[in-house]
Amino acid sequence: GKEKCNCIEQYALLNDITNYTIEAHALKSVAATIGAKALSAEAREHEMAGRDNESEFIKDNHEKLLYDYRQV
């Protein structure tokens, strides 16, 4: 959990969209598996943003994603 959060945060801060997208995809799957539907949907938005290379969206929203992830 915590390690995964740190990876997501680092990739966001480094603007490493490729790895950020991979981590968002993984988070989407894990959240779905544990029944955290809202978090899974949020992670999916981040995955799609990464695929579309929307670095502004990621920069503006990754902290909320991490906050929500830490609450689960």
PDB file of N, CA and C in Angstrom:
ATOM      1  N   GLY A   1       0.810  -1.207   0.000  1.00  0.00           N
ATOM      2  CA  GLY A   1       0.000   0.000   0.000  1.00  0.00           C
ATOM      3  C   GLY A   1       0.844   1.257   0.000  1.00  0.00           C
ATOM      4  N   LYS A   2       1.593   1.457   1.081  1.00  0.00           N
ATOM      5  CA  LYS A   2       2.387   2.692   1.219  1.00  0.00           C
ATOM      6  C   LYS A   2       3.440   2.806   0.118  1.00  0.00           C
ATOM      7  N   GLU A   3       4.092   1.675  -0.184  1.00  0.00           N
ATOM      8  CA  GLU A   3       5.119   1.663  -1.226  1.00  0.00           C
ATOM      9  C   GLU A   3       4.520   2.029  -2.586  1.00  0.00           C
ATOM     10  N   LYS A   4       3.331   1.487  -2.865  1.00  0.00           N
ATOM     11  CA  LYS A   4       2.635   1.773  -4.114  1.00  0.00           C
ATOM     12  C   LYS A   4       2.279   3.257  -4.199  1.00  0.00           C
ATOM     13  N   CYS A   5       1.828   3.822  -3.090  1.00  0.00           N
ATOM     14  CA  CYS A   5       1.519   5.255  -3.037  1.00  0.00           C
ATOM     15  C   CYS A   5       2.754   6.075  -3.383  1.00  0.00           C
ATOM     16  N   ASN A   6       3.876   5.686  -2.795  1.00  0.00           N
ATOM     17  CA  ASN A   6       5.116   6.419  -3.032  1.00  0.00           C
ATOM     18  C   ASN A   6       5.525   6.371  -4.500  1.00  0.00           C
ATOM     19  N   CYS A   7       5.331   5.203  -5.137  1.00  0.00           N
ATOM     20  CA  CYS A   7       5.648   5.068  -6.563  1.00  0.00           C
ATOM     21  C   CYS A   7       4.773   6.004  -7.391  1.00  0.00           C
ATOM     22  N   ILE A   8       3.488   5.972  -7.130  1.00  0.00           N
ATOM     23  CA  ILE A   8       2.551   6.821  -7.868  1.00  0.00           C
ATOM     24  C   ILE A   8       2.939   8.290  -7.711  1.00  0.00           C
ATOM     25  N   GLU A   9       3.232   8.672  -6.482  1.00  0.00           N
ATOM     26  CA  GLU A   9       3.603  10.059  -6.198  1.00  0.00           C
ATOM     27  C   GLU A   9       4.883  10.450  -6.939  1.00  0.00           C
ATOM     28  N   GLN A  10       5.895   9.580  -6.873  1.00  0.00           N
ATOM     29  CA  GLN A  10       7.172   9.873  -7.538  1.00  0.00           C
ATOM     30  C   GLN A  10       6.982  10.031  -9.040  1.00  0.00           C
ATOM     31  N   TYR A  11       6.230   9.115  -9.645  1.00  0.00           N
ATOM     32  CA  TYR A  11       6.011   9.186 -11.091  1.00  0.00           C
ATOM     33  C   TYR A  11       5.263  10.461 -11.464  1.00  0.00           C
ATOM     34  N   ALA A  12       4.316  10.868 -10.633  1.00  0.00           N
ATOM     35  CA  ALA A  12       3.588  12.112 -10.894  1.00  0.00           C
ATOM     36  C   ALA A  12       4.533  13.303 -10.819  1.00  0.00           C
ATOM     37  N   LEU A  13       5.354  13.338  -9.782  1.00  0.00           N
ATOM     38  CA  LEU A  13       6.264  14.462  -9.592  1.00  0.00           C
ATOM     39  C   LEU A  13       7.349  14.517 -10.667  1.00  0.00           C
ATOM     40  N   LEU A  14       7.765  13.347 -11.142  1.00  0.00           N
ATOM     41  CA  LEU A  14       8.791  13.281 -12.191  1.00  0.00           C
ATOM     42  C   LEU A  14       8.191  13.464 -13.583  1.00  0.00           C
ATOM     43  N   ASN A  15       6.856  13.534 -13.645  1.00  0.00           N
ATOM     44  CA  ASN A  15       6.139  13.623 -14.922  1.00  0.00           C
ATOM     45  C   ASN A  15       6.456  12.410 -15.798  1.00  0.00           C
ATOM     46  N   ASP A  16       6.606  11.258 -15.141  1.00  0.00           N
ATOM     47  CA  ASP A  16       6.849   9.983 -15.835  1.00  0.00           C
ATOM     48  C   ASP A  16       5.476   9.375 -16.137  1.00  0.00           C
ATOM     49  N   ILE A  17       4.898   9.821 -17.236  1.00  0.00           N
ATOM     50  CA  ILE A  17       3.521   9.457 -17.562  1.00  0.00           C
ATOM     51  C   ILE A  17       3.386   7.962 -17.833  1.00  0.00           C
ATOM     52  N   THR A  18       4.383   7.379 -18.483  1.00  0.00           N
ATOM     53  CA  THR A  18       4.325   5.956 -18.820  1.00  0.00           C
ATOM     54  C   THR A  18       4.174   5.100 -17.567  1.00  0.00           C
ATOM     55  N   ASN A  19       5.075   5.280 -16.610  1.00  0.00           N
ATOM     56  CA  ASN A  19       5.023   4.479 -15.388  1.00  0.00           C
ATOM     57  C   ASN A  19       3.841   4.868 -14.506  1.00  0.00           C
ATOM     58  N   TYR A  20       3.476   6.141 -14.521  1.00  0.00           N
ATOM     59  CA  TYR A  20       2.299   6.589 -13.771  1.00  0.00           C
ATOM     60  C   TYR A  20       1.053   5.851 -14.271  1.00  0.00           C
ATOM     61  N   THR A  21       0.931   5.724 -15.578  1.00  0.00           N
ATOM     62  CA  THR A  21      -0.217   5.049 -16.190  1.00  0.00           C
ATOM     63  C   THR A  21      -0.254   3.571 -15.791  1.00  0.00           C
ATOM     64  N   ILE A  22       0.909   2.942 -15.777  1.00  0.00           N
ATOM     65  CA  ILE A  22       1.004   1.532 -15.361  1.00  0.00           C
ATOM     66  C   ILE A  22       0.546   1.380 -13.909  1.00  0.00           C
ATOM     67  N   GLU A  23       0.999   2.274 -13.040  1.00  0.00           N
ATOM     68  CA  GLU A  23       0.623   2.211 -11.625  1.00  0.00           C
ATOM     69  C   GLU A  23      -0.869   2.504 -11.426  1.00  0.00           C
ATOM     70  N   ALA A  24      -1.393   3.456 -12.184  1.00  0.00           N
ATOM     71  CA  ALA A  24      -2.824   3.772 -12.087  1.00  0.00           C
ATOM     72  C   ALA A  24      -3.657   2.580 -12.529  1.00  0.00           C
ATOM     73  N   HIS A  25      -3.219   1.897 -13.569  1.00  0.00           N
ATOM     74  CA  HIS A  25      -3.908   0.696 -14.052  1.00  0.00           C
ATOM     75  C   HIS A  25      -3.908  -0.389 -12.975  1.00  0.00           C
ATOM     76  N   ALA A  26      -2.758  -0.597 -12.360  1.00  0.00           N
ATOM     77  CA  ALA A  26      -2.640  -1.602 -11.296  1.00  0.00           C
ATOM     78  C   ALA A  26      -3.537  -1.250 -10.114  1.00  0.00           C
ATOM     79  N   LEU A  27      -3.549   0.015  -9.748  1.00  0.00           N
ATOM     80  CA  LEU A  27      -4.389   0.471  -8.636  1.00  0.00           C
ATOM     81  C   LEU A  27      -5.866   0.256  -8.959  1.00  0.00           C
ATOM     82  N   LYS A  28      -6.244   0.548 -10.197  1.00  0.00           N
ATOM     83  CA  LYS A  28      -7.624   0.338 -10.640  1.00  0.00           C
ATOM     84  C   LYS A  28      -8.047  -1.112 -10.404  1.00  0.00           C
ATOM     85  N   SER A  29      -7.176  -2.038 -10.787  1.00  0.00           N
ATOM     86  CA  SER A  29      -7.472  -3.472 -10.645  1.00  0.00           C
ATOM     87  C   SER A  29      -7.556  -3.899  -9.190  1.00  0.00           C
ATOM     88  N   VAL A  30      -6.592  -3.465  -8.390  1.00  0.00           N
ATOM     89  CA  VAL A  30      -6.570  -3.819  -6.965  1.00  0.00           C
ATOM     90  C   VAL A  30      -7.810  -3.265  -6.264  1.00  0.00           C
ATOM     91  N   ALA A  31      -8.144  -2.016  -6.545  1.00  0.00           N
ATOM     92  CA  ALA A  31      -9.313  -1.384  -5.923  1.00  0.00           C
ATOM     93  C   ALA A  31     -10.588  -2.137  -6.295  1.00  0.00           C
ATOM     94  N   ALA A  32     -10.694  -2.538  -7.544  1.00  0.00           N
ATOM     95  CA  ALA A  32     -11.870  -3.291  -7.996  1.00  0.00           C
ATOM     96  C   ALA A  32     -11.953  -4.629  -7.265  1.00  0.00           C
ATOM     97  N   THR A  33     -10.813  -5.281  -7.105  1.00  0.00           N
ATOM     98  CA  THR A  33     -10.758  -6.590  -6.438  1.00  0.00           C
ATOM     99  C   THR A  33     -11.242  -6.512  -4.997  1.00  0.00           C
ATOM    100  N   ILE A  34     -10.883  -5.432  -4.305  1.00  0.00           N
ATOM    101  CA  ILE A  34     -11.282  -5.308  -2.894  1.00  0.00           C
ATOM    102  C   ILE A  34     -12.629  -4.604  -2.727  1.00  0.00           C
ATOM    103  N   GLY A  35     -13.266  -4.275  -3.846  1.00  0.00           N
ATOM    104  CA  GLY A  35     -14.603  -3.683  -3.784  1.00  0.00           C
ATOM    105  C   GLY A  35     -14.627  -2.186  -3.539  1.00  0.00           C
ATOM    106  N   ALA A  36     -13.484  -1.525  -3.744  1.00  0.00           N
ATOM    107  CA  ALA A  36     -13.422  -0.064  -3.586  1.00  0.00           C
ATOM    108  C   ALA A  36     -13.763   0.564  -4.936  1.00  0.00           C
ATOM    109  N   LYS A  37     -15.065   0.556  -5.246  1.00  0.00           N
ATOM    110  CA  LYS A  37     -15.517   0.968  -6.584  1.00  0.00           C
ATOM    111  C   LYS A  37     -15.172   2.410  -6.928  1.00  0.00           C
ATOM    112  N   ALA A  38     -15.355   3.321  -5.968  1.00  0.00           N
ATOM    113  CA  ALA A  38     -15.068   4.739  -6.240  1.00  0.00           C
ATOM    114  C   ALA A  38     -13.584   4.944  -6.531  1.00  0.00           C
ATOM    115  N   LEU A  39     -12.726   4.306  -5.748  1.00  0.00           N
ATOM    116  CA  LEU A  39     -11.288   4.417  -5.955  1.00  0.00           C
ATOM    117  C   LEU A  39     -10.897   3.811  -7.297  1.00  0.00           C
ATOM    118  N   SER A  40     -11.492   2.688  -7.641  1.00  0.00           N
ATOM    119  CA  SER A  40     -11.206   2.038  -8.915  1.00  0.00           C
ATOM    120  C   SER A  40     -11.577   2.953 -10.085  1.00  0.00           C
ATOM    121  N   ALA A  41     -12.738   3.586  -9.993  1.00  0.00           N
ATOM    122  CA  ALA A  41     -13.183   4.506 -11.049  1.00  0.00           C
ATOM    123  C   ALA A  41     -12.252   5.710 -11.143  1.00  0.00           C
ATOM    124  N   GLU A  42     -11.825   6.208  -9.989  1.00  0.00           N
ATOM    125  CA  GLU A  42     -10.905   7.349  -9.956  1.00  0.00           C
ATOM    126  C   GLU A  42      -9.557   6.958 -10.585  1.00  0.00           C
ATOM    127  N   ALA A  43      -9.060   5.773 -10.240  1.00  0.00           N
ATOM    128  CA  ALA A  43      -7.797   5.296 -10.806  1.00  0.00           C
ATOM    129  C   ALA A  43      -7.926   5.119 -12.316  1.00  0.00           C
ATOM    130  N   ARG A  44      -9.096   4.682 -12.769  1.00  0.00           N
ATOM    131  CA  ARG A  44      -9.337   4.526 -14.207  1.00  0.00           C
ATOM    132  C   ARG A  44      -9.225   5.881 -14.913  1.00  0.00           C
ATOM    133  N   GLU A  45      -9.753   6.926 -14.303  1.00  0.00           N
ATOM    134  CA  GLU A  45      -9.629   8.278 -14.877  1.00  0.00           C
ATOM    135  C   GLU A  45      -8.157   8.658 -15.040  1.00  0.00           C
ATOM    136  N   HIS A  46      -7.364   8.320 -14.038  1.00  0.00           N
ATOM    137  CA  HIS A  46      -5.938   8.635 -14.080  1.00  0.00           C
ATOM    138  C   HIS A  46      -5.228   7.793 -15.139  1.00  0.00           C
ATOM    139  N   GLU A  47      -5.633   6.545 -15.249  1.00  0.00           N
ATOM    140  CA  GLU A  47      -5.058   5.685 -16.282  1.00  0.00           C
ATOM    141  C   GLU A  47      -5.351   6.268 -17.670  1.00  0.00           C
ATOM    142  N   MET A  48      -6.595   6.666 -17.901  1.00  0.00           N
ATOM    143  CA  MET A  48      -6.980   7.239 -19.190  1.00  0.00           C
ATOM    144  C   MET A  48      -6.230   8.555 -19.451  1.00  0.00           C
ATOM    145  N   ALA A  49      -6.082   9.364 -18.409  1.00  0.00           N
ATOM    146  CA  ALA A  49      -5.347  10.625 -18.543  1.00  0.00           C
ATOM    147  C   ALA A  49      -3.900  10.343 -18.948  1.00  0.00           C
ATOM    148  N   GLY A  50      -3.327   9.323 -18.344  1.00  0.00           N
ATOM    149  CA  GLY A  50      -1.958   8.941 -18.692  1.00  0.00           C
ATOM    150  C   GLY A  50      -1.846   8.484 -20.131  1.00  0.00           C
ATOM    151  N   ARG A  51      -2.806   7.667 -20.553  1.00  0.00           N
ATOM    152  CA  ARG A  51      -2.793   7.183 -21.945  1.00  0.00           C
ATOM    153  C   ARG A  51      -2.928   8.335 -22.929  1.00  0.00           C
ATOM    154  N   ASP A  52      -3.669   9.364 -22.527  1.00  0.00           N
ATOM    155  CA  ASP A  52      -3.858  10.542 -23.390  1.00  0.00           C
ATOM    156  C   ASP A  52      -2.791  11.608 -23.159  1.00  0.00           C
ATOM    157  N   ASN A  53      -1.806  11.261 -22.309  1.00  0.00           N
ATOM    158  CA  ASN A  53      -0.694  12.161 -22.003  1.00  0.00           C
ATOM    159  C   ASN A  53      -1.160  13.504 -21.420  1.00  0.00           C
ATOM    160  N   GLU A  54      -2.174  13.446 -20.576  1.00  0.00           N
ATOM    161  CA  GLU A  54      -2.710  14.659 -19.945  1.00  0.00           C
ATOM    162  C   GLU A  54      -1.975  14.933 -18.630  1.00  0.00           C
ATOM    163  N   SER A  55      -0.765  15.441 -18.758  1.00  0.00           N
ATOM    164  CA  SER A  55       0.065  15.650 -17.575  1.00  0.00           C
ATOM    165  C   SER A  55      -0.513  16.702 -16.628  1.00  0.00           C
ATOM    166  N   GLU A  56      -1.242  17.671 -17.155  1.00  0.00           N
ATOM    167  CA  GLU A  56      -1.855  18.692 -16.291  1.00  0.00           C
ATOM    168  C   GLU A  56      -2.895  18.065 -15.359  1.00  0.00           C
ATOM    169  N   PHE A  57      -3.721  17.177 -15.908  1.00  0.00           N
ATOM    170  CA  PHE A  57      -4.724  16.489 -15.088  1.00  0.00           C
ATOM    171  C   PHE A  57      -4.039  15.713 -13.970  1.00  0.00           C
ATOM    172  N   ILE A  58      -3.001  14.998 -14.320  1.00  0.00           N
ATOM    173  CA  ILE A  58      -2.274  14.192 -13.337  1.00  0.00           C
ATOM    174  C   ILE A  58      -1.646  15.088 -12.271  1.00  0.00           C
ATOM    175  N   LYS A  59      -1.010  16.154 -12.717  1.00  0.00           N
ATOM    176  CA  LYS A  59      -0.371  17.078 -11.774  1.00  0.00           C
ATOM    177  C   LYS A  59      -1.403  17.665 -10.801  1.00  0.00           C
ATOM    178  N   ASP A  60      -2.568  18.003 -11.329  1.00  0.00           N
ATOM    179  CA  ASP A  60      -3.608  18.642 -10.516  1.00  0.00           C
ATOM    180  C   ASP A  60      -4.384  17.665  -9.629  1.00  0.00           C
ATOM    181  N   ASN A  61      -4.402  16.382  -9.984  1.00  0.00           N
ATOM    182  CA  ASN A  61      -5.297  15.443  -9.303  1.00  0.00           C
ATOM    183  C   ASN A  61      -4.638  14.258  -8.610  1.00  0.00           C
ATOM    184  N   HIS A  62      -3.331  14.070  -8.783  1.00  0.00           N
ATOM    185  CA  HIS A  62      -2.716  12.875  -8.188  1.00  0.00           C
ATOM    186  C   HIS A  62      -2.766  12.892  -6.660  1.00  0.00           C
ATOM    187  N   GLU A  63      -2.721  14.086  -6.054  1.00  0.00           N
ATOM    188  CA  GLU A  63      -2.743  14.134  -4.584  1.00  0.00           C
ATOM    189  C   GLU A  63      -4.081  13.636  -4.037  1.00  0.00           C
ATOM    190  N   LYS A  64      -5.172  13.960  -4.710  1.00  0.00           N
ATOM    191  CA  LYS A  64      -6.487  13.468  -4.281  1.00  0.00           C
ATOM    192  C   LYS A  64      -6.560  11.946  -4.442  1.00  0.00           C
ATOM    193  N   LEU A  65      -6.032  11.440  -5.556  1.00  0.00           N
ATOM    194  CA  LEU A  65      -6.012   9.991  -5.777  1.00  0.00           C
ATOM    195  C   LEU A  65      -5.253   9.299  -4.646  1.00  0.00           C
ATOM    196  N   LEU A  66      -4.095   9.827  -4.299  1.00  0.00           N
ATOM    197  CA  LEU A  66      -3.289   9.228  -3.227  1.00  0.00           C
ATOM    198  C   LEU A  66      -3.988   9.333  -1.880  1.00  0.00           C
ATOM    199  N   TYR A  67      -4.633  10.468  -1.642  1.00  0.00           N
ATOM    200  CA  TYR A  67      -5.377  10.639  -0.392  1.00  0.00           C
ATOM    201  C   TYR A  67      -6.473   9.577  -0.297  1.00  0.00           C
ATOM    202  N   ASP A  68      -7.239   9.434  -1.364  1.00  0.00           N
ATOM    203  CA  ASP A  68      -8.334   8.460  -1.370  1.00  0.00           C
ATOM    204  C   ASP A  68      -7.812   7.030  -1.221  1.00  0.00           C
ATOM    205  N   TYR A  69      -6.680   6.761  -1.864  1.00  0.00           N
ATOM    206  CA  TYR A  69      -6.059   5.443  -1.771  1.00  0.00           C
ATOM    207  C   TYR A  69      -5.670   5.144  -0.327  1.00  0.00           C
ATOM    208  N   ARG A  70      -5.096   6.122   0.352  1.00  0.00           N
ATOM    209  CA  ARG A  70      -4.663   5.935   1.747  1.00  0.00           C
ATOM    210  C   ARG A  70      -5.835   5.749   2.695  1.00  0.00           C
ATOM    211  N   GLN A  71      -7.026   6.206   2.304  1.00  0.00           N
ATOM    212  CA  GLN A  71      -8.204   6.056   3.164  1.00  0.00           C
ATOM    213  C   GLN A  71      -8.800   4.641   3.090  1.00  0.00           C
ATOM    214  N   VAL A  72      -8.456   3.922   2.015  1.00  0.00           N
ATOM    215  CA  VAL A  72      -9.053   2.592   1.802  1.00  0.00           C
ATOM    216  C   VAL A  72      -8.347   1.544   2.657  1.00  0.00           C
TER     217      VAL A  72
END
